[in-house]
Amino acid sequence: DSIEKIGKLIGKEKEATDLVDSIKNKFNE
């Protein structure tokens, strides 16, 4: 949530969502 929040604050919402997804993918791996 904090990554998404920072992304929203700085106008990089898509990048933040992508970053969260990539972290989750790595966790799954």
PDB file of all heavy atoms in Angstrom:
ATOM      1  N   ASP A   1       0.830  -1.210   0.000  1.00  0.00           N
ATOM      2  CA  ASP A   1       0.000   0.000   0.000  1.00  0.00           C
ATOM      3  C   ASP A   1       0.866   1.262   0.000  1.00  0.00           C
ATOM      4  O   ASP A   1       0.534   2.255  -0.655  1.00  0.00           O
ATOM      5  CB  ASP A   1      -0.923   0.030   1.227  1.00  0.00           C
ATOM      6  CG  ASP A   1      -2.034  -1.021   1.148  1.00  0.00           C
ATOM      7  OD1 ASP A   1      -2.222  -1.589   0.044  1.00  0.00           O
ATOM      8  OD2 ASP A   1      -2.687  -1.286   2.173  1.00  0.00           O
ATOM      9  N   SER A   2       1.978   1.224   0.739  1.00  0.00           N
ATOM     10  CA  SER A   2       2.823   2.425   0.815  1.00  0.00           C
ATOM     11  C   SER A   2       3.514   2.689  -0.528  1.00  0.00           C
ATOM     12  O   SER A   2       3.688   3.842  -0.923  1.00  0.00           O
ATOM     13  CB  SER A   2       3.837   2.316   1.956  1.00  0.00           C
ATOM     14  OG  SER A   2       4.761   1.298   1.717  1.00  0.00           O
ATOM     15  N   ILE A   3       3.866   1.627  -1.244  1.00  0.00           N
ATOM     16  CA  ILE A   3       4.456   1.809  -2.587  1.00  0.00           C
ATOM     17  C   ILE A   3       3.415   2.468  -3.508  1.00  0.00           C
ATOM     18  O   ILE A   3       3.713   3.407  -4.234  1.00  0.00           O
ATOM     19  CB  ILE A   3       4.944   0.458  -3.162  1.00  0.00           C
ATOM     20  CG1 ILE A   3       6.135  -0.058  -2.342  1.00  0.00           C
ATOM     21  CG2 ILE A   3       5.319   0.594  -4.645  1.00  0.00           C
ATOM     22  CD1 ILE A   3       6.585  -1.480  -2.686  1.00  0.00           C
ATOM     23  N   GLU A   4       2.183   1.952  -3.432  1.00  0.00           N
ATOM     24  CA  GLU A   4       1.089   2.517  -4.250  1.00  0.00           C
ATOM     25  C   GLU A   4       0.833   3.987  -3.867  1.00  0.00           C
ATOM     26  O   GLU A   4       0.612   4.838  -4.734  1.00  0.00           O
ATOM     27  CB  GLU A   4      -0.211   1.720  -4.043  1.00  0.00           C
ATOM     28  CG  GLU A   4      -0.084   0.232  -4.329  1.00  0.00           C
ATOM     29  CD  GLU A   4      -0.554  -0.161  -5.719  1.00  0.00           C
ATOM     30  OE1 GLU A   4      -0.802   0.733  -6.530  1.00  0.00           O
ATOM     31  OE2 GLU A   4      -0.659  -1.378  -5.973  1.00  0.00           O
ATOM     32  N   LYS A   5       0.893   4.267  -2.572  1.00  0.00           N
ATOM     33  CA  LYS A   5       0.641   5.630  -2.085  1.00  0.00           C
ATOM     34  C   LYS A   5       1.709   6.594  -2.614  1.00  0.00           C
ATOM     35  O   LYS A   5       1.397   7.691  -3.090  1.00  0.00           O
ATOM     36  CB  LYS A   5       0.635   5.640  -0.550  1.00  0.00           C
ATOM     37  CG  LYS A   5       0.307   6.987   0.069  1.00  0.00           C
ATOM     38  CD  LYS A   5       0.221   6.870   1.592  1.00  0.00           C
ATOM     39  CE  LYS A   5      -0.258   8.151   2.230  1.00  0.00           C
ATOM     40  NZ  LYS A   5      -0.439   7.997   3.694  1.00  0.00           N
ATOM     41  N   ILE A   6       2.965   6.180  -2.542  1.00  0.00           N
ATOM     42  CA  ILE A   6       4.053   7.029  -3.046  1.00  0.00           C
ATOM     43  C   ILE A   6       3.906   7.217  -4.555  1.00  0.00           C
ATOM     44  O   ILE A   6       4.063   8.317  -5.079  1.00  0.00           O
ATOM     45  CB  ILE A   6       5.428   6.434  -2.668  1.00  0.00           C
ATOM     46  CG1 ILE A   6       5.646   6.560  -1.150  1.00  0.00           C
ATOM     47  CG2 ILE A   6       6.572   7.138  -3.412  1.00  0.00           C
ATOM     48  CD1 ILE A   6       6.869   5.824  -0.609  1.00  0.00           C
ATOM     49  N   GLY A   7       3.544   6.140  -5.242  1.00  0.00           N
ATOM     50  CA  GLY A   7       3.318   6.233  -6.692  1.00  0.00           C
ATOM     51  C   GLY A   7       2.239   7.247  -7.042  1.00  0.00           C
ATOM     52  O   GLY A   7       2.391   8.065  -7.953  1.00  0.00           O
ATOM     53  N   LYS A   8       1.151   7.228  -6.282  1.00  0.00           N
ATOM     54  CA  LYS A   8       0.054   8.168  -6.501  1.00  0.00           C
ATOM     55  C   LYS A   8       0.507   9.608  -6.252  1.00  0.00           C
ATOM     56  O   LYS A   8       0.190  10.517  -7.019  1.00  0.00           O
ATOM     57  CB  LYS A   8      -1.105   7.798  -5.559  1.00  0.00           C
ATOM     58  CG  LYS A   8      -2.439   8.404  -5.942  1.00  0.00           C
ATOM     59  CD  LYS A   8      -3.572   7.865  -5.078  1.00  0.00           C
ATOM     60  CE  LYS A   8      -4.070   6.529  -5.604  1.00  0.00           C
ATOM     61  NZ  LYS A   8      -5.316   6.086  -4.945  1.00  0.00           N
ATOM     62  N   LEU A   9       1.267   9.792  -5.166  1.00  0.00           N
ATOM     63  CA  LEU A   9       1.747  11.133  -4.808  1.00  0.00           C
ATOM     64  C   LEU A   9       2.604  11.760  -5.901  1.00  0.00           C
ATOM     65  O   LEU A   9       2.566  12.962  -6.132  1.00  0.00           O
ATOM     66  CB  LEU A   9       2.603  11.062  -3.530  1.00  0.00           C
ATOM     67  CG  LEU A   9       1.893  11.036  -2.191  1.00  0.00           C
ATOM     68  CD1 LEU A   9       2.889  10.694  -1.089  1.00  0.00           C
ATOM     69  CD2 LEU A   9       1.228  12.381  -1.896  1.00  0.00           C
ATOM     70  N   ILE A  10       3.396  10.922  -6.573  1.00  0.00           N
ATOM     71  CA  ILE A  10       4.357  11.482  -7.542  1.00  0.00           C
ATOM     72  C   ILE A  10       3.927  11.264  -8.990  1.00  0.00           C
ATOM     73  O   ILE A  10       4.714  11.431  -9.915  1.00  0.00           O
ATOM     74  CB  ILE A  10       5.781  10.926  -7.307  1.00  0.00           C
ATOM     75  CG1 ILE A  10       5.818   9.411  -7.520  1.00  0.00           C
ATOM     76  CG2 ILE A  10       6.265  11.278  -5.901  1.00  0.00           C
ATOM     77  CD1 ILE A  10       7.225   8.835  -7.511  1.00  0.00           C
ATOM     78  N   GLY A  11       2.659  10.883  -9.176  1.00  0.00           N
ATOM     79  CA  GLY A  11       2.150  10.746 -10.539  1.00  0.00           C
ATOM     80  C   GLY A  11       2.704   9.537 -11.281  1.00  0.00           C
ATOM     81  O   GLY A  11       2.851   9.547 -12.509  1.00  0.00           O
ATOM     82  N   LYS A  12       3.034   8.474 -10.527  1.00  0.00           N
ATOM     83  CA  LYS A  12       3.560   7.263 -11.176  1.00  0.00           C
ATOM     84  C   LYS A  12       2.771   6.046 -10.681  1.00  0.00           C
ATOM     85  O   LYS A  12       3.347   5.071 -10.186  1.00  0.00           O
ATOM     86  CB  LYS A  12       5.053   7.111 -10.877  1.00  0.00           C
ATOM     87  CG  LYS A  12       5.921   8.135 -11.620  1.00  0.00           C
ATOM     88  CD  LYS A  12       7.395   7.871 -11.429  1.00  0.00           C
ATOM     89  CE  LYS A  12       8.245   8.826 -12.238  1.00  0.00           C
ATOM     90  NZ  LYS A  12       8.497   8.378 -13.611  1.00  0.00           N
ATOM     91  N   GLU A  13       1.463   6.148 -10.818  1.00  0.00           N
ATOM     92  CA  GLU A  13       0.599   5.081 -10.305  1.00  0.00           C
ATOM     93  C   GLU A  13       0.816   3.764 -11.019  1.00  0.00           C
ATOM     94  O   GLU A  13       0.883   2.705 -10.397  1.00  0.00           O
ATOM     95  CB  GLU A  13      -0.875   5.501 -10.421  1.00  0.00           C
ATOM     96  CG  GLU A  13      -1.248   6.566  -9.400  1.00  0.00           C
ATOM     97  CD  GLU A  13      -2.674   7.050  -9.558  1.00  0.00           C
ATOM     98  OE1 GLU A  13      -3.571   6.222  -9.356  1.00  0.00           O
ATOM     99  OE2 GLU A  13      -2.876   8.234  -9.857  1.00  0.00           O
ATOM    100  N   LYS A  14       0.952   3.826 -12.349  1.00  0.00           N
ATOM    101  CA  LYS A  14       1.140   2.581 -13.104  1.00  0.00           C
ATOM    102  C   LYS A  14       2.458   1.920 -12.729  1.00  0.00           C
ATOM    103  O   LYS A  14       2.538   0.701 -12.510  1.00  0.00           O
ATOM    104  CB  LYS A  14       1.098   2.859 -14.613  1.00  0.00           C
ATOM    105  CG  LYS A  14       1.118   1.552 -15.404  1.00  0.00           C
ATOM    106  CD  LYS A  14       1.375   1.713 -16.880  1.00  0.00           C
ATOM    107  CE  LYS A  14       1.377   0.362 -17.590  1.00  0.00           C
ATOM    108  NZ  LYS A  14       2.425  -0.552 -17.080  1.00  0.00           N
ATOM    109  N   GLU A  15       3.517   2.741 -12.626  1.00  0.00           N
ATOM    110  CA  GLU A  15       4.838   2.197 -12.265  1.00  0.00           C
ATOM    111  C   GLU A  15       4.789   1.539 -10.886  1.00  0.00           C
ATOM    112  O   GLU A  15       5.399   0.491 -10.655  1.00  0.00           O
ATOM    113  CB  GLU A  15       5.900   3.303 -12.265  1.00  0.00           C
ATOM    114  CG  GLU A  15       6.248   3.844 -13.640  1.00  0.00           C
ATOM    115  CD  GLU A  15       5.358   5.000 -14.094  1.00  0.00           C
ATOM    116  OE1 GLU A  15       4.226   5.124 -13.559  1.00  0.00           O
ATOM    117  OE2 GLU A  15       5.793   5.761 -14.974  1.00  0.00           O
ATOM    118  N   ALA A  16       4.020   2.159  -9.963  1.00  0.00           N
ATOM    119  CA  ALA A  16       3.916   1.606  -8.606  1.00  0.00           C
ATOM    120  C   ALA A  16       3.179   0.269  -8.631  1.00  0.00           C
ATOM    121  O   ALA A  16       3.586  -0.697  -7.967  1.00  0.00           O
ATOM    122  CB  ALA A  16       3.200   2.590  -7.691  1.00  0.00           C
ATOM    123  N   THR A  17       2.105   0.192  -9.409  1.00  0.00           N
ATOM    124  CA  THR A  17       1.352  -1.067  -9.526  1.00  0.00           C
ATOM    125  C   THR A  17       2.239  -2.151 -10.137  1.00  0.00           C
ATOM    126  O   THR A  17       2.255  -3.296  -9.675  1.00  0.00           O
ATOM    127  CB  THR A  17       0.093  -0.859 -10.409  1.00  0.00           C
ATOM    128  OG1 THR A  17      -0.680   0.190  -9.824  1.00  0.00           O
ATOM    129  CG2 THR A  17      -0.762  -2.102 -10.473  1.00  0.00           C
ATOM    130  N   ASP A  18       2.996  -1.772 -11.161  1.00  0.00           N
ATOM    131  CA  ASP A  18       3.915  -2.737 -11.807  1.00  0.00           C
ATOM    132  C   ASP A  18       4.974  -3.225 -10.819  1.00  0.00           C
ATOM    133  O   ASP A  18       5.341  -4.403 -10.813  1.00  0.00           O
ATOM    134  CB  ASP A  18       4.614  -2.104 -13.020  1.00  0.00           C
ATOM    135  CG  ASP A  18       3.632  -1.865 -14.177  1.00  0.00           C
ATOM    136  OD1 ASP A  18       2.511  -2.411 -14.111  1.00  0.00           O
ATOM    137  OD2 ASP A  18       3.989  -1.133 -15.125  1.00  0.00           O
ATOM    138  N   LEU A  19       5.476  -2.296  -9.989  1.00  0.00           N
ATOM    139  CA  LEU A  19       6.498  -2.659  -9.011  1.00  0.00           C
ATOM    140  C   LEU A  19       5.937  -3.647  -7.983  1.00  0.00           C
ATOM    141  O   LEU A  19       6.569  -4.671  -7.679  1.00  0.00           O
ATOM    142  CB  LEU A  19       7.033  -1.398  -8.308  1.00  0.00           C
ATOM    143  CG  LEU A  19       8.056  -1.613  -7.177  1.00  0.00           C
ATOM    144  CD1 LEU A  19       9.256  -2.422  -7.657  1.00  0.00           C
ATOM    145  CD2 LEU A  19       8.511  -0.272  -6.602  1.00  0.00           C
ATOM    146  N   VAL A  20       4.747  -3.364  -7.486  1.00  0.00           N
ATOM    147  CA  VAL A  20       4.113  -4.276  -6.521  1.00  0.00           C
ATOM    148  C   VAL A  20       3.911  -5.652  -7.166  1.00  0.00           C
ATOM    149  O   VAL A  20       4.206  -6.681  -6.552  1.00  0.00           O
ATOM    150  CB  VAL A  20       2.770  -3.692  -6.013  1.00  0.00           C
ATOM    151  CG1 VAL A  20       1.968  -4.745  -5.248  1.00  0.00           C
ATOM    152  CG2 VAL A  20       3.031  -2.480  -5.111  1.00  0.00           C
ATOM    153  N   ASP A  21       3.445  -5.673  -8.413  1.00  0.00           N
ATOM    154  CA  ASP A  21       3.241  -6.954  -9.114  1.00  0.00           C
ATOM    155  C   ASP A  21       4.546  -7.725  -9.254  1.00  0.00           C
ATOM    156  O   ASP A  21       4.587  -8.948  -9.081  1.00  0.00           O
ATOM    157  CB  ASP A  21       2.632  -6.718 -10.510  1.00  0.00           C
ATOM    158  CG  ASP A  21       1.165  -6.301 -10.428  1.00  0.00           C
ATOM    159  OD1 ASP A  21       0.567  -6.506  -9.348  1.00  0.00           O
ATOM    160  OD2 ASP A  21       0.627  -5.768 -11.418  1.00  0.00           O
ATOM    161  N   SER A  22       5.625  -7.006  -9.561  1.00  0.00           N
ATOM    162  CA  SER A  22       6.900  -7.702  -9.767  1.00  0.00           C
ATOM    163  C   SER A  22       7.434  -8.267  -8.440  1.00  0.00           C
ATOM    164  O   SER A  22       8.020  -9.339  -8.409  1.00  0.00           O
ATOM    165  CB  SER A  22       7.931  -6.789 -10.434  1.00  0.00           C
ATOM    166  OG  SER A  22       8.513  -5.912  -9.500  1.00  0.00           O
ATOM    167  N   ILE A  23       7.188  -7.541  -7.342  1.00  0.00           N
ATOM    168  CA  ILE A  23       7.597  -8.056  -6.017  1.00  0.00           C
ATOM    169  C   ILE A  23       6.795  -9.329  -5.701  1.00  0.00           C
ATOM    170  O   ILE A  23       7.359 -10.345  -5.274  1.00  0.00           O
ATOM    171  CB  ILE A  23       7.374  -6.988  -4.914  1.00  0.00           C
ATOM    172  CG1 ILE A  23       8.303  -5.789  -5.134  1.00  0.00           C
ATOM    173  CG2 ILE A  23       7.612  -7.581  -3.523  1.00  0.00           C
ATOM    174  CD1 ILE A  23       8.002  -4.572  -4.248  1.00  0.00           C
ATOM    175  N   LYS A  24       5.483  -9.275  -5.951  1.00  0.00           N
ATOM    176  CA  LYS A  24       4.638 -10.446  -5.672  1.00  0.00           C
ATOM    177  C   LYS A  24       5.049 -11.643  -6.536  1.00  0.00           C
ATOM    178  O   LYS A  24       5.065 -12.782  -6.057  1.00  0.00           O
ATOM    179  CB  LYS A  24       3.166 -10.097  -5.922  1.00  0.00           C
ATOM    180  CG  LYS A  24       2.584  -9.184  -4.841  1.00  0.00           C
ATOM    181  CD  LYS A  24       1.136  -8.834  -5.146  1.00  0.00           C
ATOM    182  CE  LYS A  24       0.537  -7.966  -4.037  1.00  0.00           C
ATOM    183  NZ  LYS A  24      -0.814  -7.492  -4.376  1.00  0.00           N
ATOM    184  N   ASN A  25       5.403 -11.372  -7.792  1.00  0.00           N
ATOM    185  CA  ASN A  25       5.836 -12.461  -8.675  1.00  0.00           C
ATOM    186  C   ASN A  25       7.113 -13.113  -8.168  1.00  0.00           C
ATOM    187  O   ASN A  25       7.276 -14.332  -8.204  1.00  0.00           O
ATOM    188  CB  ASN A  25       6.059 -11.947 -10.108  1.00  0.00           C
ATOM    189  CG  ASN A  25       4.740 -11.604 -10.788  1.00  0.00           C
ATOM    190  OD1 ASN A  25       3.685 -12.100 -10.378  1.00  0.00           O
ATOM    191  ND2 ASN A  25       4.782 -10.751 -11.792  1.00  0.00           N
ATOM    192  N   LYS A  26       8.033 -12.271  -7.711  1.00  0.00           N
ATOM    193  CA  LYS A  26       9.300 -12.792  -7.172  1.00  0.00           C
ATOM    194  C   LYS A  26       9.031 -13.616  -5.911  1.00  0.00           C
ATOM    195  O   LYS A  26       9.612 -14.688  -5.719  1.00  0.00           O
ATOM    196  CB  LYS A  26      10.248 -11.615  -6.881  1.00  0.00           C
ATOM    197  CG  LYS A  26      11.615 -12.017  -6.358  1.00  0.00           C
ATOM    198  CD  LYS A  26      12.448 -12.735  -7.404  1.00  0.00           C
ATOM    199  CE  LYS A  26      13.789 -13.162  -6.832  1.00  0.00           C
ATOM    200  NZ  LYS A  26      14.460 -14.161  -7.656  1.00  0.00           N
ATOM    201  N   PHE A  27       8.130 -13.129  -5.061  1.00  0.00           N
ATOM    202  CA  PHE A  27       7.754 -13.883  -3.860  1.00  0.00           C
ATOM    203  C   PHE A  27       7.218 -15.271  -4.248  1.00  0.00           C
ATOM    204  O   PHE A  27       7.584 -16.278  -3.646  1.00  0.00           O
ATOM    205  CB  PHE A  27       6.662 -13.134  -3.075  1.00  0.00           C
ATOM    206  CG  PHE A  27       7.166 -11.995  -2.220  1.00  0.00           C
ATOM    207  CD1 PHE A  27       6.272 -11.079  -1.672  1.00  0.00           C
ATOM    208  CD2 PHE A  27       8.511 -11.835  -1.938  1.00  0.00           C
ATOM    209  CE1 PHE A  27       6.712 -10.037  -0.856  1.00  0.00           C
ATOM    210  CE2 PHE A  27       8.964 -10.793  -1.124  1.00  0.00           C
ATOM    211  CZ  PHE A  27       8.055  -9.887  -0.591  1.00  0.00           C
ATOM    212  N   ASN A  28       6.339 -15.292  -5.253  1.00  0.00           N
ATOM    213  CA  ASN A  28       5.748 -16.568  -5.690  1.00  0.00           C
ATOM    214  C   ASN A  28       6.813 -17.531  -6.199  1.00  0.00           C
ATOM    215  O   ASN A  28       6.779 -18.733  -5.922  1.00  0.00           O
ATOM    216  CB  ASN A  28       4.693 -16.332  -6.788  1.00  0.00           C
ATOM    217  CG  ASN A  28       3.437 -15.672  -6.228  1.00  0.00           C
ATOM    218  OD1 ASN A  28       3.157 -15.802  -5.034  1.00  0.00           O
ATOM    219  ND2 ASN A  28       2.703 -14.961  -7.066  1.00  0.00           N
ATOM    220  N   GLU A  29       7.746 -16.971  -6.952  1.00  0.00           N
ATOM    221  CA  GLU A  29       8.845 -17.766  -7.515  1.00  0.00           C
ATOM    222  C   GLU A  29       9.645 -18.449  -6.389  1.00  0.00           C
ATOM    223  O   GLU A  29       9.975 -19.636  -6.470  1.00  0.00           O
ATOM    224  CB  GLU A  29       9.757 -16.786  -8.253  1.00  0.00           C
ATOM    225  CG  GLU A  29      10.591 -17.338  -9.370  1.00  0.00           C
ATOM    226  CD  GLU A  29      11.398 -16.176  -9.979  1.00  0.00           C
ATOM    227  OE1 GLU A  29      10.808 -15.314 -10.678  1.00  0.00           O
ATOM    228  OE2 GLU A  29      12.606 -16.139  -9.711  1.00  0.00           O
TER     229      GLU A  29
END
